[in-house]
């Protein structure tokens, strides 16, 4: 018997997204205050969370399929708009996060800063909207079919 049942993985993924939001906020705060060491630690932890998220997300969807949304009426287009923008943002992050990290590792800090100004808000949106999608689809409007 697995430690975590597959039906529990959406909850795990939501927790990972929440942890990522906290790490991204802390990393941003640290770099704004000039604490490069703490910034680096938070951002490397954020990347670790992203890798863990992708592994679990892929496993979950290969074994459980896609979740269905049970909301009806005006909430459906709202939900699907958030979801579509979330997915587009997540796809965009796949090459952008490693490139932003690579620029920092290579100590190309001007190039890193330039790209991070786009990467960070997109990553925040994707992480927060992931939690919003989870809450809407799993807790507020679960599919009853």
Protein backbone atom coordinates (compact mmCIF):
# COMPACT_ATOMS: atom_id res chain seq x y z
CA UNK A 1 0.00 0.00 0.00
CA UNK A 2 1.46 3.38 -0.96
CA UNK A 3 2.23 5.96 1.70
CA UNK A 4 -0.04 8.49 -0.05
CA UNK A 5 -3.04 7.39 -2.07
CA UNK A 6 -3.32 8.86 -5.58
CA UNK A 7 -6.56 10.63 -4.59
CA UNK A 8 -4.54 12.61 -2.02
CA UNK A 9 -2.02 13.95 -4.56
CA UNK A 10 -4.05 17.07 -5.52
CA UNK A 11 -3.84 18.10 -1.86
CA UNK A 12 -0.08 17.47 -1.84
CA UNK A 13 0.30 19.54 -5.02
CA UNK A 14 -1.66 22.41 -3.45
CA UNK A 15 0.62 22.34 -0.40
CA UNK A 16 3.67 22.43 -2.67
CA UNK A 17 2.18 25.46 -4.44
CA UNK A 18 1.57 27.19 -1.11
CA UNK A 19 5.13 26.48 0.04
CA UNK A 20 6.39 27.83 -3.28
CA UNK A 21 4.44 31.08 -2.80
CA UNK A 22 5.98 31.54 0.66
CA UNK A 23 9.49 30.80 -0.66
CA UNK A 24 9.06 33.17 -3.61
CA UNK A 25 7.82 35.95 -1.34
CA UNK A 26 10.69 35.39 1.09
CA UNK A 27 13.23 35.24 -1.74
CA UNK A 28 11.94 38.50 -3.15
CA UNK A 29 12.03 40.14 0.26
CA UNK A 30 15.59 38.96 0.87
CA UNK A 31 16.93 40.26 -2.43
CA UNK A 32 15.21 43.61 -1.92
CA UNK A 33 16.95 43.90 1.45
CA UNK A 34 20.32 42.87 -0.01
CA UNK A 35 20.51 39.44 1.66
CA UNK A 36 21.84 37.50 -1.31
CA UNK A 37 22.61 34.32 0.65
CA UNK A 38 19.03 33.99 1.97
CA UNK A 39 17.63 34.95 -1.44
CA UNK A 40 19.67 32.19 -3.08
CA UNK A 41 18.49 29.63 -0.49
CA UNK A 42 14.82 30.54 -1.00
CA UNK A 43 15.05 30.49 -4.76
CA UNK A 44 16.88 27.15 -4.83
CA UNK A 45 14.21 25.77 -2.51
CA UNK A 46 11.56 27.18 -4.89
CA UNK A 47 13.21 25.39 -7.81
CA UNK A 48 13.28 22.19 -5.75
CA UNK A 49 9.55 22.60 -5.07
CA UNK A 50 8.96 23.11 -8.81
CA UNK A 51 10.81 19.90 -9.65
CA UNK A 52 8.93 17.97 -6.96
CA UNK A 53 5.66 19.46 -8.21
CA UNK A 54 6.35 18.43 -11.82
CA UNK A 55 7.22 14.86 -10.82
CA UNK A 56 4.11 14.41 -8.67
CA UNK A 57 1.87 16.27 -11.15
CA UNK A 58 3.03 14.07 -14.04
CA UNK A 59 2.61 10.88 -12.02
CA UNK A 60 -0.85 11.93 -10.84
CA UNK A 61 -2.18 12.86 -14.27
CA UNK A 62 -0.73 9.78 -15.95
CA UNK A 63 -2.56 7.63 -13.41
CA UNK A 64 -5.70 9.60 -12.56
CA UNK A 65 -6.45 11.65 -15.65
CA UNK A 66 -7.76 15.20 -15.56
CA UNK A 67 -9.99 16.53 -12.80
CA UNK A 68 -13.47 17.62 -13.81
CA UNK A 69 -15.00 20.91 -12.75
CA UNK A 70 -18.50 20.75 -11.29
CA UNK A 71 -19.38 24.43 -11.29
CA UNK A 72 -22.19 25.68 -13.49
CA UNK A 73 -23.31 29.06 -14.77
CA UNK A 74 -21.12 32.16 -14.69
CA UNK A 75 -18.43 30.46 -12.57
CA UNK A 76 -17.48 28.08 -15.43
CA UNK A 77 -15.95 30.70 -17.74
CA UNK A 78 -14.27 32.33 -14.74
CA UNK A 79 -12.74 29.02 -13.67
CA UNK A 80 -11.63 28.06 -17.16
CA UNK A 81 -10.11 31.50 -17.78
CA UNK A 82 -8.04 31.15 -14.61
CA UNK A 83 -7.14 27.58 -15.56
CA UNK A 84 -6.12 28.43 -19.14
CA UNK A 85 -3.95 31.35 -18.03
CA UNK A 86 -2.47 29.12 -15.32
CA UNK A 87 -1.57 26.40 -17.84
CA UNK A 88 -0.08 28.87 -20.34
CA UNK A 89 1.98 30.45 -17.55
CA UNK A 90 3.13 27.06 -16.27
CA UNK A 91 4.26 26.03 -19.75
CA UNK A 92 6.15 29.31 -20.13
CA UNK A 93 7.92 28.74 -16.80
CA UNK A 94 9.41 25.40 -17.87
CA UNK A 95 12.24 27.01 -19.88
CA UNK A 96 12.24 30.42 -18.14
CA UNK A 97 12.93 29.29 -14.56
CA UNK A 98 16.01 27.21 -15.49
CA UNK A 99 17.30 30.04 -17.69
CA UNK A 100 16.86 32.56 -14.87
CA UNK A 101 18.64 30.18 -12.49
CA UNK A 102 21.43 29.52 -15.00
CA UNK A 103 22.11 33.24 -15.34
CA UNK A 104 22.51 33.51 -11.56
CA UNK A 105 24.73 30.43 -11.35
CA UNK A 106 26.96 31.85 -14.08
CA UNK A 107 27.05 35.12 -12.12
CA UNK A 108 25.46 37.04 -14.99
CA UNK A 109 23.48 39.05 -12.46
CA UNK A 110 22.40 41.86 -14.79
CA UNK A 111 20.91 39.31 -17.20
CA UNK A 112 19.51 37.34 -14.25
CA UNK A 113 17.83 40.42 -12.79
CA UNK A 114 16.38 41.40 -16.18
CA UNK A 115 14.77 37.98 -16.69
CA UNK A 116 13.79 37.54 -13.02
CA UNK A 117 11.62 40.67 -13.28
CA UNK A 118 9.40 38.65 -15.63
CA UNK A 119 9.94 35.18 -14.15
CA UNK A 120 9.05 36.03 -10.54
CA UNK A 121 5.57 37.54 -11.12
CA UNK A 122 4.69 34.82 -13.61
CA UNK A 123 5.82 32.14 -11.16
CA UNK A 124 3.79 33.80 -8.40
CA UNK A 125 0.71 33.88 -10.63
CA UNK A 126 1.11 30.22 -11.57
CA UNK A 127 1.61 29.14 -7.95
CA UNK A 128 -1.30 31.20 -6.57
CA UNK A 129 -3.65 30.35 -9.43
CA UNK A 130 -2.77 26.67 -8.96
CA UNK A 131 -4.12 26.90 -5.43
CA UNK A 132 -7.19 28.81 -6.65
CA UNK A 133 -7.91 26.16 -9.31
CA UNK A 134 -7.45 23.41 -6.69
CA UNK A 135 -9.82 25.08 -4.20
CA UNK A 136 -12.42 25.73 -6.88
CA UNK A 137 -12.31 22.27 -8.49
CA UNK A 138 -11.81 20.12 -5.41
CA UNK A 139 -13.50 21.98 -2.56
CA UNK A 140 -16.01 24.55 -3.82
CA UNK A 141 -17.26 23.04 -7.11
CA UNK A 142 -16.34 19.34 -7.12
CA UNK A 143 -17.63 17.26 -10.01
CA UNK A 144 -20.51 15.11 -8.80
CA UNK A 145 -21.13 13.16 -12.02
